[in-house]
Amino acid sequence: MRSIRFAGLLVLLFPLGLAAAGLESVYTDLDAKQCKTLSVDKETGDSEQQCPGVAGYRLKVSDGDLRQSVTVVDPQGKEHPLEFWSVISGGFSTLGAKAEWRVEKQGGKLVPKALIVRVNASENPEDPNKKTSYLAVAKLAPAKTCVTAKIPPGPKMNELAREA
């Protein structure tokens, strides 16, 4: 009976340990001053910047119709649009100043496993200055890179994002 309880406890705790085990955080800038402007539409103001990443990855920040999102560019140059405007919030939005890369060390090299980006969204048309701050979590994998979690505001949102 004791072994059944222990096994049950392991099953409950295993996902948390797996999510955080061996992963470290590396931060890169999303601030326009630290990124290279790739294009600007003079008529609409839409723009695209290339920002630094880790381990051969880069980020493209797209700004269109007062909404921002990120495209992950992997080391082979393949682009993976995260489309925050459809999966995090359709409201006007801006990104936080930093991207948090969750990385694992393998053979002395950093291997990105996830990306966390703050998305500040204006979702109340009656009070457009009021922002809701979400954390968007994206899984980085060769087969598919996509947003896997939308963490709402709260006291432990950073920890929840790292465990997602």
Protein backbone atom coordinates (compact mmCIF):
# COMPACT_ATOMS: atom_id res chain seq x y z
CA MET A 1 0.00 0.00 0.00
CA ARG A 2 2.87 2.31 0.82
CA SER A 3 4.43 1.79 -2.62
CA ILE A 4 1.12 2.63 -4.32
CA ARG A 5 0.93 5.95 -2.44
CA PHE A 6 4.54 6.73 -3.29
CA ALA A 7 3.96 5.90 -6.96
CA GLY A 8 0.86 8.11 -6.96
CA LEU A 9 2.85 10.97 -5.45
CA LEU A 10 5.54 10.56 -8.10
CA VAL A 11 2.94 10.71 -10.86
CA LEU A 12 1.60 13.97 -9.42
CA LEU A 13 5.02 15.57 -8.96
CA PHE A 14 6.74 14.29 -12.11
CA PRO A 15 5.32 16.92 -14.53
CA LEU A 16 6.51 19.78 -12.31
CA GLY A 17 10.00 18.35 -12.00
CA LEU A 18 10.21 17.65 -15.70
CA ALA A 19 9.17 21.17 -16.63
CA ALA A 20 11.81 22.87 -14.51
CA ALA A 21 14.54 20.21 -14.28
CA GLY A 22 17.82 21.26 -15.78
CA LEU A 23 16.48 24.37 -17.48
CA GLU A 24 18.06 27.78 -17.01
CA SER A 25 16.97 31.24 -18.12
CA VAL A 26 18.85 33.42 -20.59
CA TYR A 27 17.47 36.88 -21.38
CA THR A 28 17.72 38.82 -24.64
CA ASP A 29 16.47 42.27 -25.62
CA LEU A 30 13.29 43.02 -27.53
CA ASP A 31 13.78 46.78 -27.19
CA ALA A 32 13.87 48.47 -30.61
CA LYS A 33 17.19 50.16 -29.73
CA GLN A 34 18.84 46.73 -29.43
CA CYS A 35 17.26 45.32 -32.58
CA LYS A 36 17.91 45.88 -36.28
CA THR A 37 15.07 47.41 -38.30
CA LEU A 38 14.29 45.20 -41.28
CA SER A 39 11.36 47.12 -42.74
CA VAL A 40 9.02 50.05 -42.09
CA ASP A 41 5.86 50.82 -44.04
CA LYS A 42 5.85 54.61 -44.30
CA GLU A 43 2.11 54.72 -44.92
CA THR A 44 0.90 52.48 -42.07
CA GLY A 45 3.85 52.57 -39.67
CA ASP A 46 3.98 48.77 -39.59
CA SER A 47 7.50 47.52 -38.98
CA GLU A 48 9.64 44.48 -38.47
CA GLN A 49 12.81 44.28 -36.37
CA GLN A 50 15.32 41.48 -35.93
CA CYS A 51 16.35 40.98 -32.32
CA PRO A 52 19.09 38.85 -30.78
CA GLY A 53 18.45 35.34 -29.54
CA VAL A 54 20.53 32.46 -28.19
CA ALA A 55 22.28 29.44 -29.71
CA GLY A 56 21.74 30.57 -33.30
CA TYR A 57 18.08 31.53 -32.79
CA ARG A 58 16.82 35.04 -33.55
CA LEU A 59 13.53 36.82 -33.01
CA LYS A 60 11.63 38.99 -35.46
CA VAL A 61 9.32 41.49 -33.79
CA SER A 62 6.37 42.47 -35.98
CA ASP A 63 4.42 45.63 -35.26
CA GLY A 64 1.21 46.04 -37.23
CA ASP A 65 -2.12 47.73 -36.56
CA LEU A 66 -0.89 48.68 -33.06
CA ARG A 67 -0.29 45.01 -32.21
CA GLN A 68 3.01 43.24 -31.70
CA SER A 69 4.06 39.64 -32.09
CA VAL A 70 7.20 37.54 -32.46
CA THR A 71 8.46 35.14 -35.09
CA VAL A 72 11.12 32.68 -33.93
CA VAL A 73 13.88 32.16 -36.51
CA ASP A 74 15.69 28.88 -35.86
CA PRO A 75 19.41 28.30 -36.59
CA GLN A 76 18.53 26.93 -40.05
CA GLY A 77 16.67 30.16 -40.89
CA LYS A 78 13.18 28.62 -40.72
CA GLU A 79 10.59 31.08 -39.43
CA HIS A 80 7.98 30.11 -36.83
CA PRO A 81 5.35 32.89 -36.39
CA LEU A 82 3.82 32.88 -32.89
CA GLU A 83 0.91 35.19 -33.83
CA PHE A 84 0.31 36.61 -30.35
CA TRP A 85 -2.52 38.75 -31.77
CA SER A 86 -4.61 35.64 -32.35
CA VAL A 87 -3.51 33.32 -29.51
CA ILE A 88 -2.80 35.76 -26.64
CA SER A 89 -4.97 38.82 -27.31
CA GLY A 90 -6.64 40.48 -30.27
CA GLY A 91 -6.44 43.87 -28.53
CA PHE A 92 -3.80 46.50 -29.14
CA SER A 93 -0.56 45.20 -27.65
CA THR A 94 3.09 45.82 -26.92
CA LEU A 95 5.82 43.41 -25.90
CA GLY A 96 7.94 43.50 -22.78
CA ALA A 97 11.55 44.66 -23.13
CA LYS A 98 13.07 41.18 -22.66
CA ALA A 99 12.61 37.66 -23.98
CA GLU A 100 13.29 34.81 -21.57
CA TRP A 101 14.79 31.73 -23.20
CA ARG A 102 14.48 28.50 -21.21
CA VAL A 103 17.59 26.55 -22.16
CA GLU A 104 19.16 23.22 -21.35
CA LYS A 105 22.89 22.50 -21.45
CA GLN A 106 23.69 19.53 -23.68
CA GLY A 107 27.31 18.64 -24.33
CA GLY A 108 28.45 22.10 -23.22
CA LYS A 109 26.04 23.87 -25.59
CA LEU A 110 22.84 25.76 -24.83
CA VAL A 111 19.73 24.22 -26.38
CA PRO A 112 16.63 26.46 -26.26
CA LYS A 113 13.50 24.55 -25.18
CA ALA A 114 11.02 27.38 -24.57
CA LEU A 115 10.54 31.11 -24.97
CA ILE A 116 8.64 33.40 -22.59
CA VAL A 117 7.55 36.87 -23.74
CA ARG A 118 5.41 39.44 -21.90
CA VAL A 119 2.44 40.71 -23.93
CA ASN A 120 0.76 43.88 -22.62
CA ALA A 121 -2.71 44.01 -24.14
CA SER A 122 -5.37 46.70 -24.18
CA GLU A 123 -8.58 44.67 -24.03
CA ASN A 124 -11.10 47.16 -22.65
CA PRO A 125 -12.42 49.50 -25.38
CA GLU A 126 -13.92 51.77 -22.71
CA ASP A 127 -10.50 52.19 -21.04
CA PRO A 128 -7.84 51.69 -23.73
CA ASN A 129 -5.06 52.85 -21.39
CA LYS A 130 -5.67 49.90 -19.05
CA LYS A 131 -3.34 47.05 -19.97
CA THR A 132 -3.48 43.38 -19.07
CA SER A 133 -0.05 41.79 -18.89
CA TYR A 134 0.17 38.15 -20.02
CA LEU A 135 3.15 35.85 -20.34
CA ALA A 136 3.19 33.94 -23.62
CA VAL A 137 5.03 30.62 -23.43
CA ALA A 138 6.21 28.98 -26.65
CA LYS A 139 7.65 25.50 -26.99
CA LEU A 140 10.71 25.40 -29.26
CA ALA A 141 11.03 22.08 -31.06
CA PRO A 142 12.35 21.04 -34.48
CA ALA A 143 9.00 19.51 -35.43
CA LYS A 144 6.80 22.38 -34.25
CA THR A 145 7.34 25.70 -32.50
CA CYS A 146 4.15 27.20 -31.12
CA VAL A 147 2.53 28.99 -28.19
CA THR A 148 1.61 26.43 -25.54
CA ALA A 149 0.45 28.62 -22.65
CA LYS A 150 -1.06 32.03 -21.90
CA ILE A 151 -0.32 32.94 -18.27
CA PRO A 152 -2.71 35.56 -16.84
CA PRO A 153 -1.60 38.22 -14.35
CA GLY A 154 -0.95 36.91 -10.87
CA PRO A 155 1.57 36.75 -8.06
CA LYS A 156 3.35 33.63 -9.38
CA MET A 157 2.99 34.15 -13.12
CA ASN A 158 6.76 33.93 -13.78
CA GLU A 159 7.02 30.59 -11.98
CA LEU A 160 3.91 29.29 -13.75
CA ALA A 161 5.34 30.30 -17.12
CA ARG A 162 8.60 28.49 -16.40
CA GLU A 163 6.70 25.34 -15.42
CA ALA A 164 4.33 25.46 -18.42
